[in-house]
Amino acid sequence: MRIEIGDRFKGVIAAAVESGPYTSPEDVVPKGVVTGALGLFAADQPRHQALRDSIAEALADPRRLLPEEVDRALDAPLRAEGRE
């Protein structure tokens, strides 16, 4: 698989190769890093989908809430965890 890196990171990688102990871009970004990042991405997808579903459900709900009701609903999980 070939992965394109944006210009922002190309400069960072090139500088690391030029000035550091790295001999190639592959030394800077080994395959394991990409595999790990993709693993994290895949693990987050169910949470992201649940959030998208929740937003779509809220937008489809015809009820209108007062700002105070929204604040209480958003604060509830924090109170439950004792972080408020």
PDB file of N, CA and C in Angstrom:
ATOM      1  N   MET A   1       0.843  -1.172   0.000  1.00  0.00           N
ATOM      2  CA  MET A   1       0.000   0.000   0.000  1.00  0.00           C
ATOM      3  C   MET A   1       0.889   1.237   0.000  1.00  0.00           C
ATOM      4  N   ARG A   2       0.466   2.206  -0.744  1.00  0.00           N
ATOM      5  CA  ARG A   2       1.205   3.466  -0.803  1.00  0.00           C
ATOM      6  C   ARG A   2       0.373   4.529  -0.096  1.00  0.00           C
ATOM      7  N   ILE A   3       1.009   5.277   0.788  1.00  0.00           N
ATOM      8  CA  ILE A   3       0.315   6.307   1.549  1.00  0.00           C
ATOM      9  C   ILE A   3       0.931   7.655   1.219  1.00  0.00           C
ATOM     10  N   GLU A   4       0.090   8.608   0.834  1.00  0.00           N
ATOM     11  CA  GLU A   4       0.558   9.958   0.534  1.00  0.00           C
ATOM     12  C   GLU A   4       0.610  10.775   1.812  1.00  0.00           C
ATOM     13  N   ILE A   5       1.683  11.498   1.988  1.00  0.00           N
ATOM     14  CA  ILE A   5       1.839  12.381   3.138  1.00  0.00           C
ATOM     15  C   ILE A   5       1.759  13.807   2.634  1.00  0.00           C
ATOM     16  N   GLY A   6       0.997  14.626   3.335  1.00  0.00           N
ATOM     17  CA  GLY A   6       0.818  16.011   2.927  1.00  0.00           C
ATOM     18  C   GLY A   6       2.115  16.803   3.010  1.00  0.00           C
ATOM     19  N   ASP A   7       2.116  17.945   2.327  1.00  0.00           N
ATOM     20  CA  ASP A   7       3.306  18.809   2.279  1.00  0.00           C
ATOM     21  C   ASP A   7       3.799  19.199   3.665  1.00  0.00           C
ATOM     22  N   ARG A   8       2.871  19.404   4.585  1.00  0.00           N
ATOM     23  CA  ARG A   8       3.245  19.791   5.948  1.00  0.00           C
ATOM     24  C   ARG A   8       4.224  18.791   6.562  1.00  0.00           C
ATOM     25  N   PHE A   9       3.955  17.517   6.373  1.00  0.00           N
ATOM     26  CA  PHE A   9       4.786  16.493   6.989  1.00  0.00           C
ATOM     27  C   PHE A   9       5.983  16.101   6.133  1.00  0.00           C
ATOM     28  N   LYS A  10       5.887  16.324   4.837  1.00  0.00           N
ATOM     29  CA  LYS A  10       7.036  16.021   3.978  1.00  0.00           C
ATOM     30  C   LYS A  10       8.255  16.814   4.412  1.00  0.00           C
ATOM     31  N   GLY A  11       8.053  18.092   4.739  1.00  0.00           N
ATOM     32  CA  GLY A  11       9.159  18.930   5.203  1.00  0.00           C
ATOM     33  C   GLY A  11       9.720  18.455   6.525  1.00  0.00           C
ATOM     34  N   VAL A  12       8.863  18.039   7.418  1.00  0.00           N
ATOM     35  CA  VAL A  12       9.305  17.534   8.724  1.00  0.00           C
ATOM     36  C   VAL A  12      10.151  16.278   8.539  1.00  0.00           C
ATOM     37  N   ILE A  13       9.691  15.395   7.688  1.00  0.00           N
ATOM     38  CA  ILE A  13      10.414  14.144   7.446  1.00  0.00           C
ATOM     39  C   ILE A  13      11.745  14.423   6.753  1.00  0.00           C
ATOM     40  N   ALA A  14      11.726  15.297   5.752  1.00  0.00           N
ATOM     41  CA  ALA A  14      12.966  15.634   5.040  1.00  0.00           C
ATOM     42  C   ALA A  14      13.983  16.246   5.996  1.00  0.00           C
ATOM     43  N   ALA A  15      13.547  17.123   6.872  1.00  0.00           N
ATOM     44  CA  ALA A  15      14.457  17.745   7.838  1.00  0.00           C
ATOM     45  C   ALA A  15      15.029  16.710   8.795  1.00  0.00           C
ATOM     46  N   ALA A  16      14.222  15.752   9.192  1.00  0.00           N
ATOM     47  CA  ALA A  16      14.711  14.704  10.097  1.00  0.00           C
ATOM     48  C   ALA A  16      15.777  13.854   9.416  1.00  0.00           C
ATOM     49  N   VAL A  17      15.589  13.574   8.138  1.00  0.00           N
ATOM     50  CA  VAL A  17      16.576  12.779   7.400  1.00  0.00           C
ATOM     51  C   VAL A  17      17.863  13.575   7.206  1.00  0.00           C
ATOM     52  N   GLU A  18      17.724  14.852   6.886  1.00  0.00           N
ATOM     53  CA  GLU A  18      18.898  15.688   6.633  1.00  0.00           C
ATOM     54  C   GLU A  18      19.712  15.972   7.889  1.00  0.00           C
ATOM     55  N   SER A  19      19.048  16.154   9.013  1.00  0.00           N
ATOM     56  CA  SER A  19      19.783  16.605  10.194  1.00  0.00           C
ATOM     57  C   SER A  19      19.876  15.581  11.315  1.00  0.00           C
ATOM     58  N   GLY A  20      19.168  14.515  11.201  1.00  0.00           N
ATOM     59  CA  GLY A  20      19.123  13.573  12.311  1.00  0.00           C
ATOM     60  C   GLY A  20      19.776  12.244  11.994  1.00  0.00           C
ATOM     61  N   PRO A  21      19.521  11.297  12.855  1.00  0.00           N
ATOM     62  CA  PRO A  21      20.121   9.973  12.688  1.00  0.00           C
ATOM     63  C   PRO A  21      19.403   9.090  11.678  1.00  0.00           C
ATOM     64  N   TYR A  22      18.405   9.638  11.006  1.00  0.00           N
ATOM     65  CA  TYR A  22      17.607   8.852  10.066  1.00  0.00           C
ATOM     66  C   TYR A  22      18.281   8.834   8.700  1.00  0.00           C
ATOM     67  N   THR A  23      18.227   7.688   8.057  1.00  0.00           N
ATOM     68  CA  THR A  23      18.852   7.568   6.742  1.00  0.00           C
ATOM     69  C   THR A  23      17.836   7.608   5.602  1.00  0.00           C
ATOM     70  N   SER A  24      16.546   7.496   5.940  1.00  0.00           N
ATOM     71  CA  SER A  24      15.504   7.515   4.911  1.00  0.00           C
ATOM     72  C   SER A  24      14.174   7.908   5.543  1.00  0.00           C
ATOM     73  N   PRO A  25      13.234   8.307   4.718  1.00  0.00           N
ATOM     74  CA  PRO A  25      11.900   8.605   5.249  1.00  0.00           C
ATOM     75  C   PRO A  25      11.273   7.406   5.957  1.00  0.00           C
ATOM     76  N   GLU A  26      11.580   6.209   5.483  1.00  0.00           N
ATOM     77  CA  GLU A  26      11.032   5.007   6.109  1.00  0.00           C
ATOM     78  C   GLU A  26      11.562   4.824   7.526  1.00  0.00           C
ATOM     79  N   ASP A  27      12.766   5.338   7.798  1.00  0.00           N
ATOM     80  CA  ASP A  27      13.292   5.285   9.156  1.00  0.00           C
ATOM     81  C   ASP A  27      12.528   6.244  10.071  1.00  0.00           C
ATOM     82  N   VAL A  28      12.085   7.361   9.523  1.00  0.00           N
ATOM     83  CA  VAL A  28      11.352   8.356  10.305  1.00  0.00           C
ATOM     84  C   VAL A  28       9.948   7.849  10.620  1.00  0.00           C
ATOM     85  N   VAL A  29       9.286   7.280   9.623  1.00  0.00           N
ATOM     86  CA  VAL A  29       7.924   6.780   9.778  1.00  0.00           C
ATOM     87  C   VAL A  29       7.910   5.298   9.425  1.00  0.00           C
ATOM     88  N   PRO A  30       8.261   4.454  10.380  1.00  0.00           N
ATOM     89  CA  PRO A  30       8.275   3.019  10.091  1.00  0.00           C
ATOM     90  C   PRO A  30       6.862   2.471   9.878  1.00  0.00           C
ATOM     91  N   LYS A  31       6.769   1.338   9.226  1.00  0.00           N
ATOM     92  CA  LYS A  31       5.467   0.733   8.925  1.00  0.00           C
ATOM     93  C   LYS A  31       4.633   0.517  10.181  1.00  0.00           C
ATOM     94  N   GLY A  32       5.271   0.213  11.282  1.00  0.00           N
ATOM     95  CA  GLY A  32       4.535  -0.016  12.523  1.00  0.00           C
ATOM     96  C   GLY A  32       3.758   1.193  12.979  1.00  0.00           C
ATOM     97  N   VAL A  33       4.280   2.384  12.711  1.00  0.00           N
ATOM     98  CA  VAL A  33       3.580   3.609  13.092  1.00  0.00           C
ATOM     99  C   VAL A  33       2.300   3.735  12.280  1.00  0.00           C
ATOM    100  N   VAL A  34       2.388   3.473  11.004  1.00  0.00           N
ATOM    101  CA  VAL A  34       1.210   3.562  10.142  1.00  0.00           C
ATOM    102  C   VAL A  34       0.191   2.508  10.560  1.00  0.00           C
ATOM    103  N   THR A  35       0.654   1.298  10.825  1.00  0.00           N
ATOM    104  CA  THR A  35      -0.243   0.232  11.256  1.00  0.00           C
ATOM    105  C   THR A  35      -0.926   0.605  12.570  1.00  0.00           C
ATOM    106  N   GLY A  36      -0.163   1.161  13.508  1.00  0.00           N
ATOM    107  CA  GLY A  36      -0.742   1.573  14.779  1.00  0.00           C
ATOM    108  C   GLY A  36      -1.764   2.677  14.615  1.00  0.00           C
ATOM    109  N   ALA A  37      -1.448   3.652  13.765  1.00  0.00           N
ATOM    110  CA  ALA A  37      -2.381   4.757  13.526  1.00  0.00           C
ATOM    111  C   ALA A  37      -3.668   4.247  12.885  1.00  0.00           C
ATOM    112  N   LEU A  38      -3.541   3.333  11.945  1.00  0.00           N
ATOM    113  CA  LEU A  38      -4.733   2.780  11.307  1.00  0.00           C
ATOM    114  C   LEU A  38      -5.547   1.943  12.293  1.00  0.00           C
ATOM    115  N   GLY A  39      -4.869   1.269  13.216  1.00  0.00           N
ATOM    116  CA  GLY A  39      -5.575   0.514  14.254  1.00  0.00           C
ATOM    117  C   GLY A  39      -6.398   1.434  15.140  1.00  0.00           C
ATOM    118  N   LEU A  40      -5.818   2.566  15.529  1.00  0.00           N
ATOM    119  CA  LEU A  40      -6.553   3.544  16.338  1.00  0.00           C
ATOM    120  C   LEU A  40      -7.728   4.123  15.565  1.00  0.00           C
ATOM    121  N   PHE A  41      -7.488   4.410  14.302  1.00  0.00           N
ATOM    122  CA  PHE A  41      -8.553   4.930  13.445  1.00  0.00           C
ATOM    123  C   PHE A  41      -9.715   3.942  13.376  1.00  0.00           C
ATOM    124  N   ALA A  42      -9.413   2.671  13.135  1.00  0.00           N
ATOM    125  CA  ALA A  42     -10.450   1.643  13.032  1.00  0.00           C
ATOM    126  C   ALA A  42     -11.191   1.475  14.357  1.00  0.00           C
ATOM    127  N   ALA A  43     -10.482   1.555  15.466  1.00  0.00           N
ATOM    128  CA  ALA A  43     -11.115   1.395  16.777  1.00  0.00           C
ATOM    129  C   ALA A  43     -12.068   2.542  17.084  1.00  0.00           C
ATOM    130  N   ASP A  44     -11.780   3.735  16.567  1.00  0.00           N
ATOM    131  CA  ASP A  44     -12.626   4.894  16.820  1.00  0.00           C
ATOM    132  C   ASP A  44     -13.878   4.926  15.951  1.00  0.00           C
ATOM    133  N   GLN A  45     -13.907   4.185  14.875  1.00  0.00           N
ATOM    134  CA  GLN A  45     -15.019   4.272  13.934  1.00  0.00           C
ATOM    135  C   GLN A  45     -16.374   3.948  14.554  1.00  0.00           C
ATOM    136  N   PRO A  46     -16.510   2.923  15.396  1.00  0.00           N
ATOM    137  CA  PRO A  46     -17.835   2.684  16.005  1.00  0.00           C
ATOM    138  C   PRO A  46     -18.301   3.868  16.862  1.00  0.00           C
ATOM    139  N   ARG A  47     -17.395   4.495  17.600  1.00  0.00           N
ATOM    140  CA  ARG A  47     -17.771   5.661  18.410  1.00  0.00           C
ATOM    141  C   ARG A  47     -18.178   6.826  17.516  1.00  0.00           C
ATOM    142  N   HIS A  48     -17.433   7.031  16.442  1.00  0.00           N
ATOM    143  CA  HIS A  48     -17.777   8.119  15.519  1.00  0.00           C
ATOM    144  C   HIS A  48     -19.136   7.874  14.871  1.00  0.00           C
ATOM    145  N   GLN A  49     -19.407   6.635  14.498  1.00  0.00           N
ATOM    146  CA  GLN A  49     -20.698   6.321  13.894  1.00  0.00           C
ATOM    147  C   GLN A  49     -21.813   6.515  14.902  1.00  0.00           C
ATOM    148  N   ALA A  50     -21.598   6.115  16.143  1.00  0.00           N
ATOM    149  CA  ALA A  50     -22.608   6.312  17.189  1.00  0.00           C
ATOM    150  C   ALA A  50     -22.889   7.793  17.387  1.00  0.00           C
ATOM    151  N   LEU A  51     -21.843   8.605  17.339  1.00  0.00           N
ATOM    152  CA  LEU A  51     -22.026  10.052  17.477  1.00  0.00           C
ATOM    153  C   LEU A  51     -22.804  10.615  16.295  1.00  0.00           C
ATOM    154  N   ARG A  52     -22.449  10.184  15.075  1.00  0.00           N
ATOM    155  CA  ARG A  52     -23.194  10.645  13.900  1.00  0.00           C
ATOM    156  C   ARG A  52     -24.666  10.235  13.991  1.00  0.00           C
ATOM    157  N   ASP A  53     -24.916   8.992  14.436  1.00  0.00           N
ATOM    158  CA  ASP A  53     -26.294   8.517  14.583  1.00  0.00           C
ATOM    159  C   ASP A  53     -27.048   9.337  15.623  1.00  0.00           C
ATOM    160  N   SER A  54     -26.382   9.636  16.729  1.00  0.00           N
ATOM    161  CA  SER A  54     -26.997  10.419  17.791  1.00  0.00           C
ATOM    162  C   SER A  54     -27.330  11.837  17.315  1.00  0.00           C
ATOM    163  N   ILE A  55     -26.430  12.427  16.571  1.00  0.00           N
ATOM    164  CA  ILE A  55     -26.675  13.772  16.030  1.00  0.00           C
ATOM    165  C   ILE A  55     -27.846  13.742  15.056  1.00  0.00           C
ATOM    166  N   ALA A  56     -27.875  12.748  14.175  1.00  0.00           N
ATOM    167  CA  ALA A  56     -28.973  12.645  13.207  1.00  0.00           C
ATOM    168  C   ALA A  56     -30.307  12.454  13.936  1.00  0.00           C
ATOM    169  N   GLU A  57     -30.311  11.635  14.977  1.00  0.00           N
ATOM    170  CA  GLU A  57     -31.530  11.414  15.756  1.00  0.00           C
ATOM    171  C   GLU A  57     -31.983  12.712  16.429  1.00  0.00           C
ATOM    172  N   ALA A  58     -31.030  13.447  16.992  1.00  0.00           N
ATOM    173  CA  ALA A  58     -31.379  14.710  17.660  1.00  0.00           C
ATOM    174  C   ALA A  58     -31.921  15.726  16.662  1.00  0.00           C
ATOM    175  N   LEU A  59     -31.318  15.781  15.485  1.00  0.00           N
ATOM    176  CA  LEU A  59     -31.787  16.733  14.478  1.00  0.00           C
ATOM    177  C   LEU A  59     -33.177  16.375  13.963  1.00  0.00           C
ATOM    178  N   ALA A  60     -33.499  15.089  13.957  1.00  0.00           N
ATOM    179  CA  ALA A  60     -34.810  14.644  13.472  1.00  0.00           C
ATOM    180  C   ALA A  60     -35.901  14.798  14.533  1.00  0.00           C
ATOM    181  N   ASP A  61     -35.518  15.003  15.787  1.00  0.00           N
ATOM    182  CA  ASP A  61     -36.477  15.129  16.888  1.00  0.00           C
ATOM    183  C   ASP A  61     -37.178  16.482  16.792  1.00  0.00           C
ATOM    184  N   PRO A  62     -38.506  16.497  16.714  1.00  0.00           N
ATOM    185  CA  PRO A  62     -39.223  17.765  16.559  1.00  0.00           C
ATOM    186  C   PRO A  62     -39.276  18.594  17.848  1.00  0.00           C
ATOM    187  N   ARG A  63     -38.936  18.001  18.987  1.00  0.00           N
ATOM    188  CA  ARG A  63     -38.992  18.761  20.239  1.00  0.00           C
ATOM    189  C   ARG A  63     -37.903  19.827  20.250  1.00  0.00           C
ATOM    190  N   ARG A  64     -38.179  20.928  20.871  1.00  0.00           N
ATOM    191  CA  ARG A  64     -37.202  22.008  21.017  1.00  0.00           C
ATOM    192  C   ARG A  64     -36.859  22.127  22.487  1.00  0.00           C
ATOM    193  N   LEU A  65     -35.588  22.152  22.794  1.00  0.00           N
ATOM    194  CA  LEU A  65     -35.142  22.248  24.176  1.00  0.00           C
ATOM    195  C   LEU A  65     -34.627  23.642  24.478  1.00  0.00           C
ATOM    196  N   LEU A  66     -34.753  24.009  25.723  1.00  0.00           N
ATOM    197  CA  LEU A  66     -34.179  25.263  26.180  1.00  0.00           C
ATOM    198  C   LEU A  66     -32.673  25.071  26.367  1.00  0.00           C
ATOM    199  N   PRO A  67     -31.893  26.120  26.215  1.00  0.00           N
ATOM    200  CA  PRO A  67     -30.441  25.999  26.397  1.00  0.00           C
ATOM    201  C   PRO A  67     -30.059  25.379  27.748  1.00  0.00           C
ATOM    202  N   GLU A  68     -30.826  25.677  28.802  1.00  0.00           N
ATOM    203  CA  GLU A  68     -30.525  25.114  30.122  1.00  0.00           C
ATOM    204  C   GLU A  68     -30.708  23.594  30.121  1.00  0.00           C
ATOM    205  N   GLU A  69     -31.703  23.106  29.383  1.00  0.00           N
ATOM    206  CA  GLU A  69     -31.935  21.667  29.297  1.00  0.00           C
ATOM    207  C   GLU A  69     -30.779  20.975  28.578  1.00  0.00           C
ATOM    208  N   VAL A  70     -30.282  21.615  27.533  1.00  0.00           N
ATOM    209  CA  VAL A  70     -29.138  21.064  26.796  1.00  0.00           C
ATOM    210  C   VAL A  70     -27.915  21.023  27.710  1.00  0.00           C
ATOM    211  N   ASP A  71     -27.680  22.109  28.439  1.00  0.00           N
ATOM    212  CA  ASP A  71     -26.531  22.151  29.356  1.00  0.00           C
ATOM    213  C   ASP A  71     -26.617  21.042  30.399  1.00  0.00           C
ATOM    214  N   ARG A  72     -27.806  20.849  30.972  1.00  0.00           N
ATOM    215  CA  ARG A  72     -27.969  19.789  31.983  1.00  0.00           C
ATOM    216  C   ARG A  72     -27.702  18.423  31.370  1.00  0.00           C
ATOM    217  N   ALA A  73     -28.196  18.194  30.171  1.00  0.00           N
ATOM    218  CA  ALA A  73     -27.992  16.891  29.519  1.00  0.00           C
ATOM    219  C   ALA A  73     -26.514  16.654  29.216  1.00  0.00           C
ATOM    220  N   LEU A  74     -25.807  17.690  28.797  1.00  0.00           N
ATOM    221  CA  LEU A  74     -24.390  17.540  28.483  1.00  0.00           C
ATOM    222  C   LEU A  74     -23.553  17.375  29.746  1.00  0.00           C
ATOM    223  N   ASP A  75     -23.985  17.990  30.845  1.00  0.00           N
ATOM    224  CA  ASP A  75     -23.244  17.898  32.101  1.00  0.00           C
ATOM    225  C   ASP A  75     -23.491  16.592  32.841  1.00  0.00           C
ATOM    226  N   ALA A  76     -24.582  15.917  32.552  1.00  0.00           N
ATOM    227  CA  ALA A  76     -24.948  14.702  33.283  1.00  0.00           C
ATOM    228  C   ALA A  76     -23.846  13.641  33.286  1.00  0.00           C
ATOM    229  N   PRO A  77     -23.231  13.326  32.145  1.00  0.00           N
ATOM    230  CA  PRO A  77     -22.158  12.309  32.186  1.00  0.00           C
ATOM    231  C   PRO A  77     -20.979  12.735  33.057  1.00  0.00           C
ATOM    232  N   LEU A  78     -20.675  14.022  33.074  1.00  0.00           N
ATOM    233  CA  LEU A  78     -19.577  14.502  33.918  1.00  0.00           C
ATOM    234  C   LEU A  78     -19.925  14.357  35.394  1.00  0.00           C
ATOM    235  N   ARG A  79     -21.172  14.660  35.742  1.00  0.00           N
ATOM    236  CA  ARG A  79     -21.599  14.501  37.135  1.00  0.00           C
ATOM    237  C   ARG A  79     -21.536  13.036  37.536  1.00  0.00           C
ATOM    238  N   ALA A  80     -21.945  12.163  36.642  1.00  0.00           N
ATOM    239  CA  ALA A  80     -21.936  10.728  36.932  1.00  0.00           C
ATOM    240  C   ALA A  80     -20.516  10.212  37.185  1.00  0.00           C
ATOM    241  N   GLU A  81     -19.555  10.813  36.499  1.00  0.00           N
ATOM    242  CA  GLU A  81     -18.148  10.425  36.676  1.00  0.00           C
ATOM    243  C   GLU A  81     -17.484  11.175  37.813  1.00  0.00           C
ATOM    244  N   GLY A  82     -18.205  12.143  38.397  1.00  0.00           N
ATOM    245  CA  GLY A  82     -17.643  12.931  39.489  1.00  0.00           C
ATOM    246  C   GLY A  82     -16.620  13.943  39.022  1.00  0.00           C
ATOM    247  N   ARG A  83     -16.710  14.385  37.769  1.00  0.00           N
ATOM    248  CA  ARG A  83     -15.724  15.322  37.234  1.00  0.00           C
ATOM    249  C   ARG A  83     -16.240  16.747  37.191  1.00  0.00           C
ATOM    250  N   GLU A  84     -17.421  16.983  37.655  1.00  0.00           N
ATOM    251  CA  GLU A  84     -17.934  18.353  37.596  1.00  0.00           C
ATOM    252  C   GLU A  84     -17.588  19.095  38.860  1.00  0.00           C
TER     253      GLU A  84
END
